[in-house]
Protein backbone atom coordinates (compact mmCIF):
# COMPACT_ATOMS: atom_id res chain seq x y z
CA UNK A 1 -17.02 4.72 22.70
CA UNK A 2 -17.48 0.95 22.64
CA UNK A 3 -15.04 -1.54 21.17
CA UNK A 4 -17.58 -2.24 18.44
CA UNK A 5 -17.58 1.44 17.45
CA UNK A 6 -13.78 1.54 17.49
CA UNK A 7 -13.69 -1.47 15.21
CA UNK A 8 -16.02 0.14 12.66
CA UNK A 9 -14.14 3.42 12.84
CA UNK A 10 -10.95 1.57 11.95
CA UNK A 11 -12.72 -0.18 9.06
CA UNK A 12 -14.04 3.11 7.69
CA UNK A 13 -10.63 4.75 8.01
CA UNK A 14 -9.02 1.90 6.08
CA UNK A 15 -11.67 2.03 3.35
CA UNK A 16 -11.39 5.78 2.80
CA UNK A 17 -7.60 5.55 2.93
CA UNK A 18 -7.76 2.95 0.17
CA UNK A 19 -10.04 5.22 -1.88
CA UNK A 20 -7.53 8.06 -1.48
CA UNK A 21 -4.67 5.80 -2.59
CA UNK A 22 -6.69 4.43 -5.48
CA UNK A 23 -7.73 7.94 -6.51
CA UNK A 24 -4.10 9.02 -6.58
CA UNK A 25 -3.27 6.15 -8.93
CA UNK A 26 -6.20 7.08 -11.20
CA UNK A 27 -4.96 10.68 -11.28
CA UNK A 28 -1.47 9.50 -12.22
CA UNK A 29 -2.55 6.99 -14.88
CA UNK A 30 -5.00 9.39 -16.54
CA UNK A 31 -2.65 12.37 -16.43
CA UNK A 32 -5.15 14.42 -14.42
CA UNK A 33 -2.66 15.78 -11.89
CA UNK A 34 -2.74 19.36 -13.18
CA UNK A 35 -6.37 19.52 -14.30
CA UNK A 36 -6.93 22.05 -11.53
CA UNK A 37 -3.91 24.07 -12.61
CA UNK A 38 -1.16 24.90 -10.13
CA UNK A 39 -3.68 25.67 -7.41
CA UNK A 40 -4.36 23.90 -4.15
CA UNK A 41 -6.80 23.43 -2.42
CA UNK A 42 -8.90 25.43 -4.95
CA UNK A 43 -9.41 24.26 -8.52
CA UNK A 44 -8.95 27.09 -11.04
CA UNK A 45 -9.87 29.53 -8.29
CA UNK A 46 -13.11 27.74 -7.41
CA UNK A 47 -14.15 25.57 -4.52
CA UNK A 48 -16.28 23.50 -6.92
CA UNK A 49 -14.45 23.03 -10.23
CA UNK A 50 -15.86 23.24 -13.73
CA UNK A 51 -17.24 19.94 -14.97
CA UNK A 52 -14.53 18.17 -16.95
CA UNK A 53 -13.50 14.55 -16.56
CA UNK A 54 -9.94 15.46 -15.62
CA UNK A 55 -10.84 18.06 -13.01
CA UNK A 56 -13.50 15.73 -11.58
CA UNK A 57 -10.92 12.96 -11.15
CA UNK A 58 -8.40 15.28 -9.52
CA UNK A 59 -10.92 16.98 -7.24
CA UNK A 60 -12.49 13.69 -6.17
CA UNK A 61 -9.03 12.49 -5.16
CA UNK A 62 -8.53 15.66 -3.14
CA UNK A 63 -11.85 15.16 -1.37
CA UNK A 64 -11.05 11.55 -0.45
CA UNK A 65 -7.58 12.59 0.73
CA UNK A 66 -9.11 15.26 2.94
CA UNK A 67 -11.67 12.82 4.32
CA UNK A 68 -8.89 10.29 4.96
CA UNK A 69 -7.06 12.93 6.98
CA UNK A 70 -10.13 13.72 9.08
CA UNK A 71 -10.86 10.03 9.75
CA UNK A 72 -7.21 9.42 10.64
CA UNK A 73 -7.36 12.25 13.15
CA UNK A 74 -10.62 10.89 14.58
CA UNK A 75 -9.14 7.38 14.85
CA UNK A 76 -6.01 8.60 16.59
CA UNK A 77 -8.08 10.55 19.13
CA UNK A 78 -10.57 7.70 19.65
CA UNK A 79 -7.91 5.05 20.25
CA UNK A 80 -5.95 7.41 22.50
CA UNK A 81 -9.09 8.20 24.49
CA UNK A 82 -10.75 4.79 24.70
CA UNK A 83 -8.08 2.15 23.97
CA UNK A 84 -4.78 3.63 25.06
CA UNK A 85 -4.00 0.35 26.89
CA UNK A 86 -3.59 -1.16 23.42
CA UNK A 87 -0.27 0.40 22.54
CA UNK A 88 -0.07 -1.46 19.24
CA UNK A 89 -3.41 -0.09 18.00
CA UNK A 90 -2.54 3.42 19.13
CA UNK A 91 0.77 3.16 17.26
CA UNK A 92 -1.06 2.15 14.05
CA UNK A 93 -3.42 5.09 14.41
CA UNK A 94 -0.55 7.52 14.94
CA UNK A 95 1.34 6.16 11.92
CA UNK A 96 -1.76 6.48 9.77
CA UNK A 97 -2.23 10.13 10.73
CA UNK A 98 1.47 10.95 10.32
CA UNK A 99 1.79 9.55 6.80
CA UNK A 100 -1.55 10.97 5.68
CA UNK A 101 -0.20 14.40 6.58
CA UNK A 102 3.14 13.73 4.86
CA UNK A 103 1.65 12.37 1.64
CA UNK A 104 -1.00 15.11 1.61
CA UNK A 105 1.70 17.77 1.88
CA UNK A 106 3.73 16.17 -0.89
CA UNK A 107 0.62 15.98 -3.07
CA UNK A 108 -0.06 19.67 -2.57
CA UNK A 109 3.56 20.51 -3.42
CA UNK A 110 3.33 18.40 -6.57
CA UNK A 111 0.41 20.54 -7.72
CA UNK A 112 1.91 23.91 -6.81
CA UNK A 113 5.41 23.12 -8.11
CA UNK A 114 6.51 20.32 -10.45
CA UNK A 115 8.49 17.57 -8.74
CA UNK A 116 11.08 15.13 -10.05
CA UNK A 117 10.27 11.47 -10.77
CA UNK A 118 12.12 10.20 -7.64
CA UNK A 119 10.13 12.60 -5.44
CA UNK A 120 6.83 11.63 -7.05
CA UNK A 121 7.69 7.95 -6.55
CA UNK A 122 8.33 8.73 -2.90
CA UNK A 123 4.90 10.38 -2.71
CA UNK A 124 3.39 7.07 -3.85
CA UNK A 125 5.49 5.26 -1.25
CA UNK A 126 4.24 7.46 1.59
CA UNK A 127 0.65 6.99 0.43
CA UNK A 128 1.21 3.25 0.54
CA UNK A 129 2.56 3.42 4.09
CA UNK A 130 -0.49 5.46 5.15
CA UNK A 131 -2.80 2.81 3.69
CA UNK A 132 -0.78 -0.05 5.20
CA UNK A 133 -0.96 1.63 8.62
CA UNK A 134 -4.74 1.95 8.34
CA UNK A 135 -4.98 -1.70 7.26
CA UNK A 136 -2.89 -2.74 10.27
CA UNK A 137 -5.23 -0.69 12.46
CA UNK A 138 -8.30 -2.43 10.99
CA UNK A 139 -6.79 -5.93 11.21
CA UNK A 140 -5.36 -5.28 14.66
CA UNK A 141 -8.67 -3.97 15.96
CA UNK A 142 -10.50 -6.96 14.50
CA UNK A 143 -8.02 -9.31 16.16
CA UNK A 144 -8.23 -7.46 19.50
CA UNK A 145 -11.98 -6.81 19.66
CA UNK A 146 -13.30 -9.60 17.43
CA UNK A 147 -15.15 -12.74 18.40
CA UNK A 148 -12.45 -13.65 20.84
CA UNK A 149 -12.53 -10.29 22.53
CA UNK A 150 -9.48 -8.65 24.06
CA UNK A 151 -8.09 -11.98 25.12
CA UNK A 152 -5.04 -12.40 27.32
CA UNK A 153 -4.58 -16.09 26.66
CA UNK A 154 -1.04 -17.34 26.11
CA UNK A 155 -0.13 -17.64 22.43
CA UNK A 156 2.48 -19.78 20.65
CA UNK A 157 5.86 -18.20 20.02
CA UNK A 158 7.45 -17.89 16.56
CA UNK A 159 11.15 -18.31 15.95
CA UNK A 160 13.54 -15.44 15.40
CA UNK A 161 14.50 -16.65 11.90
CA UNK A 162 10.91 -16.55 10.68
CA UNK A 163 10.42 -13.14 12.25
CA UNK A 164 13.50 -11.77 10.47
CA UNK A 165 12.42 -13.25 7.13
CA UNK A 166 9.04 -11.53 7.51
CA UNK A 167 10.69 -8.20 8.24
CA UNK A 168 13.08 -8.50 5.30
CA UNK A 169 10.23 -9.38 2.93
CA UNK A 170 8.11 -6.44 4.10
CA UNK A 171 10.94 -3.91 3.76
CA UNK A 172 11.98 -5.34 0.41
CA UNK A 173 8.41 -5.14 -0.89
CA UNK A 174 8.49 -1.39 -0.24
CA UNK A 175 11.67 -1.10 -2.32
CA UNK A 176 9.97 -2.97 -5.17
CA UNK A 177 6.99 -0.62 -4.95
CA UNK A 178 9.28 2.40 -5.10
CA UNK A 179 11.04 1.07 -8.20
CA UNK A 180 7.65 0.38 -9.81
CA UNK A 181 6.48 3.92 -9.03
CA UNK A 182 9.72 5.25 -10.52
CA UNK A 183 9.02 3.28 -13.70
CA UNK A 184 5.59 4.91 -13.91
CA UNK A 185 6.76 8.47 -13.22
CA UNK A 186 9.58 8.21 -15.77
CA UNK A 187 7.11 6.81 -18.36
CA UNK A 188 9.35 3.79 -18.86
CA UNK A 189 6.56 1.19 -19.05
CA UNK A 190 7.31 0.49 -22.70
CA UNK A 191 10.99 -0.20 -22.08
CA UNK A 192 10.44 -3.96 -22.21
CA UNK A 193 8.14 -5.45 -24.81
CA UNK A 194 6.90 -8.96 -24.09
CA UNK A 195 6.80 -10.95 -20.87
CA UNK A 196 8.59 -12.69 -19.18
CA UNK A 197 11.37 -11.91 -21.69
CA UNK A 198 12.40 -8.29 -22.17
CA UNK A 199 12.53 -7.40 -25.86
CA UNK A 200 12.97 -11.09 -26.64
CA UNK A 201 16.00 -11.47 -24.35
CA UNK A 202 16.58 -12.78 -20.85
CA UNK A 203 19.09 -10.00 -20.22
CA UNK A 204 18.49 -7.03 -22.56
CA UNK A 205 20.75 -4.11 -23.30
CA UNK A 206 20.49 -1.75 -20.32
CA UNK A 207 19.77 1.55 -21.98
CA UNK A 208 17.21 4.22 -21.06
CA UNK A 209 13.87 2.92 -19.90
CA UNK A 210 14.82 -0.69 -20.65
CA UNK A 211 17.20 -0.82 -17.70
CA UNK A 212 14.65 0.70 -15.30
CA UNK A 213 11.91 -1.75 -16.29
CA UNK A 214 14.27 -4.75 -16.24
CA UNK A 215 15.49 -3.90 -12.73
CA UNK A 216 11.87 -3.68 -11.61
CA UNK A 217 11.10 -7.09 -13.12
CA UNK A 218 14.08 -8.73 -11.43
CA UNK A 219 13.20 -7.10 -8.13
CA UNK A 220 9.59 -8.31 -8.46
CA UNK A 221 10.77 -11.86 -9.24
CA UNK A 222 12.87 -11.91 -6.06
CA UNK A 223 9.91 -10.58 -4.08
CA UNK A 224 7.79 -13.46 -5.33
CA UNK A 225 10.44 -15.98 -4.22
CA UNK A 226 10.70 -14.40 -0.77
CA UNK A 227 6.92 -14.28 -0.39
CA UNK A 228 6.54 -17.90 -1.52
CA UNK A 229 9.11 -19.07 1.03
CA UNK A 230 7.46 -16.96 3.73
CA UNK A 231 4.01 -18.33 2.89
CA UNK A 232 5.31 -21.91 2.86
CA UNK A 233 6.88 -21.56 6.30
CA UNK A 234 3.82 -19.77 7.71
CA UNK A 235 1.45 -22.47 6.48
CA UNK A 236 3.43 -25.64 7.16
CA UNK A 237 5.61 -24.67 10.15
CA UNK A 238 3.03 -22.70 12.15
CA UNK A 239 -0.03 -24.94 12.17
CA UNK A 240 -0.73 -23.88 15.75
CA UNK A 241 -1.13 -20.22 14.72
CA UNK A 242 -4.09 -19.98 12.28
CA UNK A 243 -3.68 -16.21 11.98
CA UNK A 244 -0.14 -16.52 10.60
CA UNK A 245 -1.21 -19.28 8.22
CA UNK A 246 -4.00 -17.08 6.85
CA UNK A 247 -1.66 -14.10 6.46
CA UNK A 248 0.95 -16.25 4.72
CA UNK A 249 -1.56 -17.67 2.24
CA UNK A 250 -2.98 -14.18 1.59
CA UNK A 251 0.51 -12.81 0.89
CA UNK A 252 1.31 -15.57 -1.60
CA UNK A 253 -2.00 -15.21 -3.45
CA UNK A 254 -1.69 -11.43 -3.64
CA UNK A 255 1.90 -11.68 -4.88
CA UNK A 256 0.97 -14.28 -7.50
CA UNK A 257 -1.88 -12.12 -8.79
CA UNK A 258 0.51 -9.16 -8.74
CA UNK A 259 2.86 -11.03 -11.09
CA UNK A 260 0.06 -11.74 -13.56
CA UNK A 261 -1.22 -8.17 -13.35
CA UNK A 262 2.30 -7.00 -14.21
CA UNK A 263 2.20 -9.18 -17.32
CA UNK A 264 -1.22 -7.72 -18.15
CA UNK A 265 0.23 -4.21 -17.94
CA UNK A 266 2.83 -5.15 -20.57
CA UNK A 267 0.35 -6.74 -22.98
CA UNK A 268 -2.24 -3.94 -22.70
CA UNK A 269 0.21 -1.05 -22.89
CA UNK A 270 -1.11 0.15 -26.25
CA UNK A 271 -4.78 -0.47 -25.48
CA UNK A 272 -5.76 2.55 -23.38
CA UNK A 273 -8.91 1.14 -21.79
CA UNK A 274 -7.47 -2.25 -20.89
CA UNK A 275 -4.19 -0.69 -19.76
CA UNK A 276 -5.90 1.52 -17.19
CA UNK A 277 -7.68 -1.51 -15.73
CA UNK A 278 -4.48 -3.58 -15.63
CA UNK A 279 -2.42 -0.75 -14.13
CA UNK A 280 -5.00 -0.06 -11.41
CA UNK A 281 -5.21 -3.77 -10.57
CA UNK A 282 -1.41 -3.82 -10.33
CA UNK A 283 -1.41 -1.03 -7.75
CA UNK A 284 -4.35 -2.43 -5.76
CA UNK A 285 -2.69 -5.83 -5.43
CA UNK A 286 0.70 -4.50 -4.35
CA UNK A 287 -1.03 -2.23 -1.82
CA UNK A 288 -2.81 -5.22 -0.31
CA UNK A 289 0.39 -7.28 -0.30
CA UNK A 290 2.41 -4.55 1.41
CA UNK A 291 -0.31 -4.05 4.02
CA UNK A 292 -0.51 -7.77 4.78
CA UNK A 293 3.28 -8.05 5.07
CA UNK A 294 3.43 -5.03 7.40
CA UNK A 295 0.76 -6.45 9.70
CA UNK A 296 2.40 -9.87 9.58
CA UNK A 297 5.71 -8.23 10.58
CA UNK A 298 4.12 -6.72 13.67
CA UNK A 299 2.35 -9.95 14.63
CA UNK A 300 5.50 -12.09 14.40
CA UNK A 301 7.30 -9.48 16.50
CA UNK A 302 4.58 -9.74 19.12
CA UNK A 303 4.49 -13.54 18.95
CA UNK A 304 8.27 -13.78 19.23
CA UNK A 305 8.09 -11.94 22.53
CA UNK A 306 9.58 -8.73 21.13
CA UNK A 307 6.62 -6.49 21.71
CA UNK A 308 3.78 -6.01 24.15
CA UNK A 309 0.31 -5.04 23.05
CA UNK A 310 -0.52 -3.48 26.39
């Protein structure tokens, strides 16, 4: 298998992984999770379900999840067979396969037996890690086998402080995602009316869903500050590393759009059609942000001399 074929395999894996993640969000937001009953992998005892919108949504998600698993397995084998000298790429492929299996198993359990909100939020978190791993594989393969080829040229070194800030931001972004998923699975979205104020107050009374939503908002605000600082340092302090500058700018833009999509979720909460669009945009943006931060974390580790690609 040529490097060109490996590159396109990684792209396809990332795309299908995104479709599986996106499908899971659609299932959650439309309440289609049990449209196939408590059966898995069949749907009401059939391989091809009856034609209803809900069962079609759920079954399409299952198909994309299955395809994501097959492509993850193919990617892991291909990179092990033809690019094992690239330990970083092989690690991404292994992580993708591992978390596809984990999130697939949790999804099946959620269908067969009802799960608590914290467990369902964790299912979303594992799906996000699977997508982020596939995105790192695609970006890493593009960087390794792109126009510059598998270059061994000496690269600039980043400082330890910047590396640590990148790691902290990436890990913290996952925590914010988990809190957001918990808000969704506890149906607490309506806890705070209005934005940026919560029920007309800067600090509302912490009761029921209000407290959950308010914590998520504060966590998201801190994430934006961290991402803005990270993007500023990447762009202005690393002019000799175009890749880091591009990743930093991408992270800031994604985070900024994420903030506005969060506001859109609040203002469209009681408009079903617009709410679905806003909620899906919210998840898509945070998925992209988390993936970019994860890949950036690996790159700064490599550029700080902490890891070897080969």
